[in-house]
Amino acid sequence: MDLTVEWLDPVQLKDGSAQQLIYTCDMDDLPTDPGIYVFERHWNGQMCQALYVGKAQNIRKRIVEHFKGNVQLMNHIQGAPNGAKCVRAGVFRALPGQQAARLTCSPGM
């Protein structure tokens, strides 16, 4: 099956200590659509490294859950080598006959 994903611009992670979090970001810049997301770091202009990849039915809600409850992941991102820490969303765009609610990932994919 062919899936169409529209990649959005990266959203910069910010210090979340004012909210008792490790990181936060501008939530309005994150979609509420289904799709995938990548926590990543950027350096030297064009260089990028994925630090974590996930999928969600509501990308914004899932990322907020990570900020609030996944201390291990946030510490991993914080401990990554130098570079701007960001999150990038890839929004699923359904083709005729496809339903986002039925998307699943098989082990190893």
PDB file of N, CA and C in Angstrom:
ATOM      1  N   MET A   1       0.836  -1.171   0.000  1.00  0.00           N
ATOM      2  CA  MET A   1       0.000   0.000   0.000  1.00  0.00           C
ATOM      3  C   MET A   1       0.886   1.241   0.000  1.00  0.00           C
ATOM      4  N   ASP A   2       0.546   2.211  -0.795  1.00  0.00           N
ATOM      5  CA  ASP A   2       1.268   3.476  -0.824  1.00  0.00           C
ATOM      6  C   ASP A   2       0.671   4.423   0.203  1.00  0.00           C
ATOM      7  N   LEU A   3       1.543   5.039   0.994  1.00  0.00           N
ATOM      8  CA  LEU A   3       1.120   6.041   1.966  1.00  0.00           C
ATOM      9  C   LEU A   3       1.748   7.369   1.589  1.00  0.00           C
ATOM     10  N   THR A   4       1.002   8.432   1.769  1.00  0.00           N
ATOM     11  CA  THR A   4       1.501   9.764   1.471  1.00  0.00           C
ATOM     12  C   THR A   4       1.725  10.500   2.786  1.00  0.00           C
ATOM     13  N   VAL A   5       2.926  11.028   2.970  1.00  0.00           N
ATOM     14  CA  VAL A   5       3.272  11.778   4.173  1.00  0.00           C
ATOM     15  C   VAL A   5       3.759  13.153   3.744  1.00  0.00           C
ATOM     16  N   GLU A   6       3.195  14.179   4.355  1.00  0.00           N
ATOM     17  CA  GLU A   6       3.631  15.560   4.122  1.00  0.00           C
ATOM     18  C   GLU A   6       4.501  15.989   5.296  1.00  0.00           C
ATOM     19  N   TRP A   7       5.787  16.234   5.043  1.00  0.00           N
ATOM     20  CA  TRP A   7       6.713  16.626   6.107  1.00  0.00           C
ATOM     21  C   TRP A   7       6.601  18.121   6.370  1.00  0.00           C
ATOM     22  N   LEU A   8       6.407  18.477   7.619  1.00  0.00           N
ATOM     23  CA  LEU A   8       6.309  19.874   8.026  1.00  0.00           C
ATOM     24  C   LEU A   8       7.679  20.361   8.492  1.00  0.00           C
ATOM     25  N   ASP A   9       7.815  21.668   8.611  1.00  0.00           N
ATOM     26  CA  ASP A   9       9.072  22.252   9.088  1.00  0.00           C
ATOM     27  C   ASP A   9       9.342  21.811  10.524  1.00  0.00           C
ATOM     28  N   PRO A  10      10.623  21.667  10.889  1.00  0.00           N
ATOM     29  CA  PRO A  10      10.940  21.294  12.271  1.00  0.00           C
ATOM     30  C   PRO A  10      10.504  22.381  13.251  1.00  0.00           C
ATOM     31  N   VAL A  11      10.108  21.951  14.444  1.00  0.00           N
ATOM     32  CA  VAL A  11       9.710  22.853  15.524  1.00  0.00           C
ATOM     33  C   VAL A  11      10.794  22.765  16.600  1.00  0.00           C
ATOM     34  N   GLN A  12      11.381  23.886  16.911  1.00  0.00           N
ATOM     35  CA  GLN A  12      12.478  23.961  17.887  1.00  0.00           C
ATOM     36  C   GLN A  12      11.988  23.576  19.282  1.00  0.00           C
ATOM     37  N   LEU A  13      12.724  22.697  19.960  1.00  0.00           N
ATOM     38  CA  LEU A  13      12.437  22.390  21.362  1.00  0.00           C
ATOM     39  C   LEU A  13      12.992  23.516  22.219  1.00  0.00           C
ATOM     40  N   LYS A  14      12.255  23.834  23.302  1.00  0.00           N
ATOM     41  CA  LYS A  14      12.663  24.908  24.207  1.00  0.00           C
ATOM     42  C   LYS A  14      12.763  24.364  25.626  1.00  0.00           C
ATOM     43  N   ASP A  15      13.487  25.094  26.463  1.00  0.00           N
ATOM     44  CA  ASP A  15      13.608  24.745  27.874  1.00  0.00           C
ATOM     45  C   ASP A  15      12.212  24.719  28.498  1.00  0.00           C
ATOM     46  N   GLY A  16      11.882  23.619  29.136  1.00  0.00           N
ATOM     47  CA  GLY A  16      10.565  23.478  29.743  1.00  0.00           C
ATOM     48  C   GLY A  16      10.565  23.605  31.250  1.00  0.00           C
ATOM     49  N   SER A  17      11.672  24.081  31.834  1.00  0.00           N
ATOM     50  CA  SER A  17      11.783  24.096  33.295  1.00  0.00           C
ATOM     51  C   SER A  17      10.711  24.959  33.967  1.00  0.00           C
ATOM     52  N   ALA A  18      10.208  25.991  33.319  1.00  0.00           N
ATOM     53  CA  ALA A  18       9.149  26.818  33.905  1.00  0.00           C
ATOM     54  C   ALA A  18       7.872  26.006  34.108  1.00  0.00           C
ATOM     55  N   GLN A  19       7.711  24.929  33.333  1.00  0.00           N
ATOM     56  CA  GLN A  19       6.542  24.055  33.447  1.00  0.00           C
ATOM     57  C   GLN A  19       6.921  22.730  34.122  1.00  0.00           C
ATOM     58  N   GLN A  20       8.084  22.696  34.750  1.00  0.00           N
ATOM     59  CA  GLN A  20       8.625  21.500  35.394  1.00  0.00           C
ATOM     60  C   GLN A  20       8.800  20.364  34.395  1.00  0.00           C
ATOM     61  N   LEU A  21       9.242  20.703  33.194  1.00  0.00           N
ATOM     62  CA  LEU A  21       9.526  19.751  32.132  1.00  0.00           C
ATOM     63  C   LEU A  21      10.962  19.947  31.670  1.00  0.00           C
ATOM     64  N   ILE A  22      11.498  18.971  30.981  1.00  0.00           N
ATOM     65  CA  ILE A  22      12.831  19.119  30.402  1.00  0.00           C
ATOM     66  C   ILE A  22      12.738  19.953  29.137  1.00  0.00           C
ATOM     67  N   TYR A  23      11.775  19.625  28.261  1.00  0.00           N
ATOM     68  CA  TYR A  23      11.568  20.359  27.016  1.00  0.00           C
ATOM     69  C   TYR A  23      10.098  20.677  26.824  1.00  0.00           C
ATOM     70  N   THR A  24       9.859  21.665  26.000  1.00  0.00           N
ATOM     71  CA  THR A  24       8.542  22.003  25.492  1.00  0.00           C
ATOM     72  C   THR A  24       8.759  22.605  24.111  1.00  0.00           C
ATOM     73  N   CYS A  25       7.691  23.022  23.464  1.00  0.00           N
ATOM     74  CA  CYS A  25       7.794  23.704  22.175  1.00  0.00           C
ATOM     75  C   CYS A  25       6.510  24.481  21.939  1.00  0.00           C
ATOM     76  N   ASP A  26       6.442  25.216  20.848  1.00  0.00           N
ATOM     77  CA  ASP A  26       5.226  25.934  20.487  1.00  0.00           C
ATOM     78  C   ASP A  26       4.210  24.917  19.975  1.00  0.00           C
ATOM     79  N   MET A  27       3.271  24.553  20.815  1.00  0.00           N
ATOM     80  CA  MET A  27       2.306  23.500  20.487  1.00  0.00           C
ATOM     81  C   MET A  27       1.455  23.843  19.270  1.00  0.00           C
ATOM     82  N   ASP A  28       1.210  25.125  19.052  1.00  0.00           N
ATOM     83  CA  ASP A  28       0.402  25.525  17.891  1.00  0.00           C
ATOM     84  C   ASP A  28       1.092  25.177  16.577  1.00  0.00           C
ATOM     85  N   ASP A  29       2.399  24.932  16.610  1.00  0.00           N
ATOM     86  CA  ASP A  29       3.151  24.569  15.409  1.00  0.00           C
ATOM     87  C   ASP A  29       3.082  23.076  15.103  1.00  0.00           C
ATOM     88  N   LEU A  30       2.445  22.302  15.986  1.00  0.00           N
ATOM     89  CA  LEU A  30       2.321  20.857  15.802  1.00  0.00           C
ATOM     90  C   LEU A  30       0.918  20.506  15.330  1.00  0.00           C
ATOM     91  N   PRO A  31       0.795  19.606  14.368  1.00  0.00           N
ATOM     92  CA  PRO A  31      -0.529  19.233  13.870  1.00  0.00           C
ATOM     93  C   PRO A  31      -1.244  18.273  14.821  1.00  0.00           C
ATOM     94  N   THR A  32      -2.557  18.265  14.729  1.00  0.00           N
ATOM     95  CA  THR A  32      -3.364  17.304  15.485  1.00  0.00           C
ATOM     96  C   THR A  32      -3.748  16.119  14.596  1.00  0.00           C
ATOM     97  N   ASP A  33      -3.179  16.069  13.408  1.00  0.00           N
ATOM     98  CA  ASP A  33      -3.445  15.012  12.433  1.00  0.00           C
ATOM     99  C   ASP A  33      -2.703  13.726  12.802  1.00  0.00           C
ATOM    100  N   PRO A  34      -3.109  12.603  12.209  1.00  0.00           N
ATOM    101  CA  PRO A  34      -2.338  11.369  12.364  1.00  0.00           C
ATOM    102  C   PRO A  34      -1.077  11.409  11.508  1.00  0.00           C
ATOM    103  N   GLY A  35      -0.062  10.680  11.944  1.00  0.00           N
ATOM    104  CA  GLY A  35       1.166  10.610  11.159  1.00  0.00           C
ATOM    105  C   GLY A  35       2.330  10.125  11.988  1.00  0.00           C
ATOM    106  N   ILE A  36       3.511  10.555  11.601  1.00  0.00           N
ATOM    107  CA  ILE A  36       4.727  10.180  12.309  1.00  0.00           C
ATOM    108  C   ILE A  36       5.442  11.450  12.752  1.00  0.00           C
ATOM    109  N   TYR A  37       6.345  11.282  13.714  1.00  0.00           N
ATOM    110  CA  TYR A  37       7.106  12.422  14.211  1.00  0.00           C
ATOM    111  C   TYR A  37       8.518  11.946  14.519  1.00  0.00           C
ATOM    112  N   VAL A  38       9.449  12.881  14.431  1.00  0.00           N
ATOM    113  CA  VAL A  38      10.854  12.574  14.664  1.00  0.00           C
ATOM    114  C   VAL A  38      11.437  13.635  15.578  1.00  0.00           C
ATOM    115  N   PHE A  39      11.946  13.218  16.744  1.00  0.00           N
ATOM    116  CA  PHE A  39      12.770  14.107  17.549  1.00  0.00           C
ATOM    117  C   PHE A  39      14.160  14.037  16.926  1.00  0.00           C
ATOM    118  N   GLU A  40      14.766  15.192  16.667  1.00  0.00           N
ATOM    119  CA  GLU A  40      16.036  15.206  15.942  1.00  0.00           C
ATOM    120  C   GLU A  40      16.915  16.351  16.421  1.00  0.00           C
ATOM    121  N   ARG A  41      18.170  16.282  16.004  1.00  0.00           N
ATOM    122  CA  ARG A  41      19.098  17.388  16.260  1.00  0.00           C
ATOM    123  C   ARG A  41      19.643  17.859  14.926  1.00  0.00           C
ATOM    124  N   HIS A  42      19.903  19.156  14.834  1.00  0.00           N
ATOM    125  CA  HIS A  42      20.442  19.775  13.620  1.00  0.00           C
ATOM    126  C   HIS A  42      21.739  20.495  13.978  1.00  0.00           C
ATOM    127  N   TRP A  43      22.719  20.419  13.088  1.00  0.00           N
ATOM    128  CA  TRP A  43      23.978  21.139  13.287  1.00  0.00           C
ATOM    129  C   TRP A  43      24.610  21.408  11.924  1.00  0.00           C
ATOM    130  N   ASN A  44      25.545  22.335  11.893  1.00  0.00           N
ATOM    131  CA  ASN A  44      26.264  22.711  10.664  1.00  0.00           C
ATOM    132  C   ASN A  44      25.330  23.027   9.500  1.00  0.00           C
ATOM    133  N   GLY A  45      24.232  23.672   9.777  1.00  0.00           N
ATOM    134  CA  GLY A  45      23.340  24.094   8.710  1.00  0.00           C
ATOM    135  C   GLY A  45      22.437  23.015   8.151  1.00  0.00           C
ATOM    136  N   GLN A  46      22.987  22.004   7.504  1.00  0.00           N
ATOM    137  CA  GLN A  46      22.176  20.997   6.826  1.00  0.00           C
ATOM    138  C   GLN A  46      22.213  19.616   7.477  1.00  0.00           C
ATOM    139  N   MET A  47      23.065  19.406   8.464  1.00  0.00           N
ATOM    140  CA  MET A  47      23.198  18.080   9.080  1.00  0.00           C
ATOM    141  C   MET A  47      22.047  17.833  10.060  1.00  0.00           C
ATOM    142  N   CYS A  48      21.550  16.604  10.071  1.00  0.00           N
ATOM    143  CA  CYS A  48      20.417  16.237  10.904  1.00  0.00           C
ATOM    144  C   CYS A  48      20.590  14.781  11.361  1.00  0.00           C
ATOM    145  N   GLN A  49      20.171  14.493  12.602  1.00  0.00           N
ATOM    146  CA  GLN A  49      20.215  13.128  13.124  1.00  0.00           C
ATOM    147  C   GLN A  49      18.911  12.841  13.855  1.00  0.00           C
ATOM    148  N   ALA A  50      18.254  11.757  13.490  1.00  0.00           N
ATOM    149  CA  ALA A  50      17.046  11.326  14.192  1.00  0.00           C
ATOM    150  C   ALA A  50      17.437  10.763  15.549  1.00  0.00           C
ATOM    151  N   LEU A  51      16.748  11.193  16.601  1.00  0.00           N
ATOM    152  CA  LEU A  51      16.989  10.705  17.949  1.00  0.00           C
ATOM    153  C   LEU A  51      15.883   9.761  18.414  1.00  0.00           C
ATOM    154  N   TYR A  52      14.684   9.919  17.849  1.00  0.00           N
ATOM    155  CA  TYR A  52      13.545   9.070  18.192  1.00  0.00           C
ATOM    156  C   TYR A  52      12.488   9.243  17.105  1.00  0.00           C
ATOM    157  N   VAL A  53      11.863   8.147  16.702  1.00  0.00           N
ATOM    158  CA  VAL A  53      10.802   8.182  15.696  1.00  0.00           C
ATOM    159  C   VAL A  53       9.572   7.508  16.302  1.00  0.00           C
ATOM    160  N   GLY A  54       8.413   8.137  16.124  1.00  0.00           N
ATOM    161  CA  GLY A  54       7.174   7.556  16.642  1.00  0.00           C
ATOM    162  C   GLY A  54       6.018   7.813  15.691  1.00  0.00           C
ATOM    163  N   LYS A  55       4.881   7.178  15.982  1.00  0.00           N
ATOM    164  CA  LYS A  55       3.668   7.398  15.194  1.00  0.00           C
ATOM    165  C   LYS A  55       2.535   7.708  16.146  1.00  0.00           C
ATOM    166  N   ALA A  56       1.525   8.404  15.641  1.00  0.00           N
ATOM    167  CA  ALA A  56       0.411   8.795  16.496  1.00  0.00           C
ATOM    168  C   ALA A  56      -0.830   9.090  15.675  1.00  0.00           C
ATOM    169  N   GLN A  57      -1.963   8.908  16.291  1.00  0.00           N
ATOM    170  CA  GLN A  57      -3.221   9.315  15.676  1.00  0.00           C
ATOM    171  C   GLN A  57      -3.409  10.834  15.798  1.00  0.00           C
ATOM    172  N   ASN A  58      -2.819  11.438  16.841  1.00  0.00           N
ATOM    173  CA  ASN A  58      -2.832  12.881  17.053  1.00  0.00           C
ATOM    174  C   ASN A  58      -1.404  13.266  17.436  1.00  0.00           C
ATOM    175  N   ILE A  59      -0.660  13.803  16.496  1.00  0.00           N
ATOM    176  CA  ILE A  59       0.770  14.072  16.714  1.00  0.00           C
ATOM    177  C   ILE A  59       0.984  15.022  17.883  1.00  0.00           C
ATOM    178  N   ARG A  60       0.248  16.124  17.935  1.00  0.00           N
ATOM    179  CA  ARG A  60       0.433  17.103  19.022  1.00  0.00           C
ATOM    180  C   ARG A  60       0.210  16.449  20.385  1.00  0.00           C
ATOM    181  N   LYS A  61      -0.877  15.714  20.530  1.00  0.00           N
ATOM    182  CA  LYS A  61      -1.187  15.068  21.804  1.00  0.00           C
ATOM    183  C   LYS A  61      -0.085  14.093  22.215  1.00  0.00           C
ATOM    184  N   ARG A  62       0.428  13.325  21.275  1.00  0.00           N
ATOM    185  CA  ARG A  62       1.466  12.337  21.596  1.00  0.00           C
ATOM    186  C   ARG A  62       2.759  13.011  22.025  1.00  0.00           C
ATOM    187  N   ILE A  63       3.131  14.089  21.362  1.00  0.00           N
ATOM    188  CA  ILE A  63       4.365  14.791  21.733  1.00  0.00           C
ATOM    189  C   ILE A  63       4.224  15.408  23.124  1.00  0.00           C
ATOM    190  N   VAL A  64       3.060  15.975  23.438  1.00  0.00           N
ATOM    191  CA  VAL A  64       2.812  16.501  24.783  1.00  0.00           C
ATOM    192  C   VAL A  64       2.957  15.388  25.817  1.00  0.00           C
ATOM    193  N   GLU A  65       2.452  14.194  25.501  1.00  0.00           N
ATOM    194  CA  GLU A  65       2.600  13.061  26.416  1.00  0.00           C
ATOM    195  C   GLU A  65       4.077  12.746  26.655  1.00  0.00           C
ATOM    196  N   HIS A  66       4.894  12.821  25.617  1.00  0.00           N
ATOM    197  CA  HIS A  66       6.336  12.599  25.789  1.00  0.00           C
ATOM    198  C   HIS A  66       6.931  13.659  26.708  1.00  0.00           C
ATOM    199  N   PHE A  67       6.595  14.927  26.476  1.00  0.00           N
ATOM    200  CA  PHE A  67       7.136  16.005  27.306  1.00  0.00           C
ATOM    201  C   PHE A  67       6.784  15.801  28.776  1.00  0.00           C
ATOM    202  N   LYS A  68       5.570  15.364  29.044  1.00  0.00           N
ATOM    203  CA  LYS A  68       5.088  15.250  30.426  1.00  0.00           C
ATOM    204  C   LYS A  68       5.444  13.937  31.104  1.00  0.00           C
ATOM    205  N   GLY A  69       5.615  12.857  30.319  1.00  0.00           N
ATOM    206  CA  GLY A  69       5.762  11.578  30.982  1.00  0.00           C
ATOM    207  C   GLY A  69       6.919  10.703  30.561  1.00  0.00           C
ATOM    208  N   ASN A  70       7.677  11.100  29.563  1.00  0.00           N
ATOM    209  CA  ASN A  70       8.756  10.234  29.098  1.00  0.00           C
ATOM    210  C   ASN A  70      10.110  10.873  29.441  1.00  0.00           C
ATOM    211  N   VAL A  71      10.441  10.832  30.707  1.00  0.00           N
ATOM    212  CA  VAL A  71      11.677  11.455  31.190  1.00  0.00           C
ATOM    213  C   VAL A  71      12.898  10.793  30.553  1.00  0.00           C
ATOM    214  N   GLN A  72      12.852   9.486  30.375  1.00  0.00           N
ATOM    215  CA  GLN A  72      13.984   8.781  29.774  1.00  0.00           C
ATOM    216  C   GLN A  72      14.260   9.298  28.361  1.00  0.00           C
ATOM    217  N   LEU A  73      13.224   9.470  27.550  1.00  0.00           N
ATOM    218  CA  LEU A  73      13.406   9.997  26.193  1.00  0.00           C
ATOM    219  C   LEU A  73      13.903  11.434  26.229  1.00  0.00           C
ATOM    220  N   MET A  74      13.321  12.272  27.079  1.00  0.00           N
ATOM    221  CA  MET A  74      13.735  13.679  27.147  1.00  0.00           C
ATOM    222  C   MET A  74      15.194  13.794  27.603  1.00  0.00           C
ATOM    223  N   ASN A  75      15.607  12.951  28.552  1.00  0.00           N
ATOM    224  CA  ASN A  75      17.018  12.942  28.977  1.00  0.00           C
ATOM    225  C   ASN A  75      17.919  12.488  27.833  1.00  0.00           C
ATOM    226  N   HIS A  76      17.466  11.517  27.044  1.00  0.00           N
ATOM    227  CA  HIS A  76      18.235  11.056  25.877  1.00  0.00           C
ATOM    228  C   HIS A  76      18.424  12.211  24.880  1.00  0.00           C
ATOM    229  N   ILE A  77      17.361  12.936  24.600  1.00  0.00           N
ATOM    230  CA  ILE A  77      17.456  14.067  23.672  1.00  0.00           C
ATOM    231  C   ILE A  77      18.373  15.138  24.236  1.00  0.00           C
ATOM    232  N   GLN A  78      18.212  15.444  25.509  1.00  0.00           N
ATOM    233  CA  GLN A  78      19.035  16.462  26.159  1.00  0.00           C
ATOM    234  C   GLN A  78      20.515  16.073  26.136  1.00  0.00           C
ATOM    235  N   GLY A  79      20.798  14.776  26.275  1.00  0.00           N
ATOM    236  CA  GLY A  79      22.176  14.312  26.304  1.00  0.00           C
ATOM    237  C   GLY A  79      22.795  14.094  24.938  1.00  0.00           C
ATOM    238  N   ALA A  80      22.024  14.291  23.880  1.00  0.00           N
ATOM    239  CA  ALA A  80      22.572  14.132  22.524  1.00  0.00           C
ATOM    240  C   ALA A  80      23.635  15.199  22.288  1.00  0.00           C
ATOM    241  N   PRO A  81      24.593  14.901  21.409  1.00  0.00           N
ATOM    242  CA  PRO A  81      25.645  15.883  21.130  1.00  0.00           C
ATOM    243  C   PRO A  81      25.063  17.239  20.716  1.00  0.00           C
ATOM    244  N   ASN A  82      25.944  18.227  20.666  1.00  0.00           N
ATOM    245  CA  ASN A  82      25.537  19.585  20.329  1.00  0.00           C
ATOM    246  C   ASN A  82      24.668  19.641  19.089  1.00  0.00           C
ATOM    247  N   GLY A  83      23.857  20.644  19.045  1.00  0.00           N
ATOM    248  CA  GLY A  83      22.975  20.878  17.914  1.00  0.00           C
ATOM    249  C   GLY A  83      21.618  21.323  18.409  1.00  0.00           C
ATOM    250  N   ALA A  84      20.855  21.934  17.527  1.00  0.00           N
ATOM    251  CA  ALA A  84      19.504  22.372  17.865  1.00  0.00           C
ATOM    252  C   ALA A  84      18.594  21.146  17.959  1.00  0.00           C
ATOM    253  N   LYS A  85      17.867  21.038  19.044  1.00  0.00           N
ATOM    254  CA  LYS A  85      16.932  19.929  19.225  1.00  0.00           C
ATOM    255  C   LYS A  85      15.558  20.366  18.693  1.00  0.00           C
ATOM    256  N   CYS A  86      14.972  19.515  17.872  1.00  0.00           N
ATOM    257  CA  CYS A  86      13.702  19.830  17.213  1.00  0.00           C
ATOM    258  C   CYS A  86      12.806  18.605  17.182  1.00  0.00           C
ATOM    259  N   VAL A  87      11.557  18.840  16.829  1.00  0.00           N
ATOM    260  CA  VAL A  87      10.644  17.756  16.505  1.00  0.00           C
ATOM    261  C   VAL A  87      10.032  18.098  15.154  1.00  0.00           C
ATOM    262  N   ARG A  88       9.956  17.098  14.271  1.00  0.00           N
ATOM    263  CA  ARG A  88       9.406  17.280  12.922  1.00  0.00           C
ATOM    264  C   ARG A  88       8.253  16.295  12.747  1.00  0.00           C
ATOM    265  N   ALA A  89       7.149  16.799  12.223  1.00  0.00           N
ATOM    266  CA  ALA A  89       5.967  15.970  12.011  1.00  0.00           C
ATOM    267  C   ALA A  89       5.812  15.626  10.540  1.00  0.00           C
ATOM    268  N   GLY A  90       5.407  14.402  10.301  1.00  0.00           N
ATOM    269  CA  GLY A  90       5.034  13.948   8.973  1.00  0.00           C
ATOM    270  C   GLY A  90       3.569  13.558   9.018  1.00  0.00           C
ATOM    271  N   VAL A  91       2.725  14.357   8.365  1.00  0.00           N
ATOM    272  CA  VAL A  91       1.281  14.175   8.434  1.00  0.00           C
ATOM    273  C   VAL A  91       0.820  13.205   7.351  1.00  0.00           C
ATOM    274  N   PHE A  92       0.033  12.216   7.761  1.00  0.00           N
ATOM    275  CA  PHE A  92      -0.523  11.243   6.829  1.00  0.00           C
ATOM    276  C   PHE A  92      -1.597  11.920   5.989  1.00  0.00           C
ATOM    277  N   ARG A  93      -1.498  11.784   4.694  1.00  0.00           N
ATOM    278  CA  ARG A  93      -2.503  12.304   3.769  1.00  0.00           C
ATOM    279  C   ARG A  93      -3.159  11.118   3.080  1.00  0.00           C
ATOM    280  N   ALA A  94      -4.404  10.846   3.458  1.00  0.00           N
ATOM    281  CA  ALA A  94      -5.116   9.674   2.968  1.00  0.00           C
ATOM    282  C   ALA A  94      -5.410   9.777   1.477  1.00  0.00           C
ATOM    283  N   LEU A  95      -5.182   8.690   0.803  1.00  0.00           N
ATOM    284  CA  LEU A  95      -5.591   8.548  -0.589  1.00  0.00           C
ATOM    285  C   LEU A  95      -6.995   7.945  -0.590  1.00  0.00           C
ATOM    286  N   PRO A  96      -7.697   7.980  -1.700  1.00  0.00           N
ATOM    287  CA  PRO A  96      -9.035   7.394  -1.727  1.00  0.00           C
ATOM    288  C   PRO A  96      -9.027   5.947  -1.212  1.00  0.00           C
ATOM    289  N   GLY A  97      -9.920   5.673  -0.271  1.00  0.00           N
ATOM    290  CA  GLY A  97     -10.038   4.330   0.288  1.00  0.00           C
ATOM    291  C   GLY A  97      -9.172   4.080   1.513  1.00  0.00           C
ATOM    292  N   GLN A  98      -8.265   5.000   1.873  1.00  0.00           N
ATOM    293  CA  GLN A  98      -7.412   4.823   3.051  1.00  0.00           C
ATOM    294  C   GLN A  98      -8.032   5.517   4.258  1.00  0.00           C
ATOM    295  N   GLN A  99      -7.812   4.924   5.424  1.00  0.00           N
ATOM    296  CA  GLN A  99      -8.313   5.484   6.672  1.00  0.00           C
ATOM    297  C   GLN A  99      -7.173   5.552   7.682  1.00  0.00           C
ATOM    298  N   ALA A 100      -6.929   6.741   8.214  1.00  0.00           N
ATOM    299  CA  ALA A 100      -5.837   6.919   9.168  1.00  0.00           C
ATOM    300  C   ALA A 100      -6.007   6.051  10.402  1.00  0.00           C
ATOM    301  N   ALA A 101      -7.235   5.850  10.859  1.00  0.00           N
ATOM    302  CA  ALA A 101      -7.481   5.073  12.073  1.00  0.00           C
ATOM    303  C   ALA A 101      -7.059   3.618  11.922  1.00  0.00           C
ATOM    304  N   ARG A 102      -6.889   3.139  10.690  1.00  0.00           N
ATOM    305  CA  ARG A 102      -6.532   1.740  10.470  1.00  0.00           C
ATOM    306  C   ARG A 102      -5.038   1.537  10.240  1.00  0.00           C
ATOM    307  N   LEU A 103      -4.256   2.617  10.291  1.00  0.00           N
ATOM    308  CA  LEU A 103      -2.815   2.491  10.092  1.00  0.00           C
ATOM    309  C   LEU A 103      -2.181   1.780  11.267  1.00  0.00           C
ATOM    310  N   THR A 104      -1.300   0.857  10.994  1.00  0.00           N
ATOM    311  CA  THR A 104      -0.531   0.175  12.024  1.00  0.00           C
ATOM    312  C   THR A 104       0.885  -0.017  11.518  1.00  0.00           C
ATOM    313  N   CYS A 105       1.799  -0.231  12.427  1.00  0.00           N
ATOM    314  CA  CYS A 105       3.175  -0.534  12.055  1.00  0.00           C
ATOM    315  C   CYS A 105       3.491  -1.950  12.511  1.00  0.00           C
ATOM    316  N   SER A 106       4.017  -2.725  11.642  1.00  0.00           N
ATOM    317  CA  SER A 106       4.415  -4.080  11.991  1.00  0.00           C
ATOM    318  C   SER A 106       5.773  -4.063  12.669  1.00  0.00           C
ATOM    319  N   PRO A 107       6.058  -5.028  13.544  1.00  0.00           N
ATOM    320  CA  PRO A 107       7.388  -5.094  14.158  1.00  0.00           C
ATOM    321  C   PRO A 107       8.461  -5.133  13.075  1.00  0.00           C
ATOM    322  N   GLY A 108       9.515  -4.382  13.332  1.00  0.00           N
ATOM    323  CA  GLY A 108      10.634  -4.366  12.387  1.00  0.00           C
ATOM    324  C   GLY A 108      10.476  -3.352  11.274  1.00  0.00           C
ATOM    325  N   MET A 109       9.377  -2.621  11.249  1.00  0.00           N
ATOM    326  CA  MET A 109       9.178  -1.633  10.195  1.00  0.00           C
ATOM    327  C   MET A 109       9.515  -0.254  10.710  1.00  0.00           C
TER     328      MET A 109
END
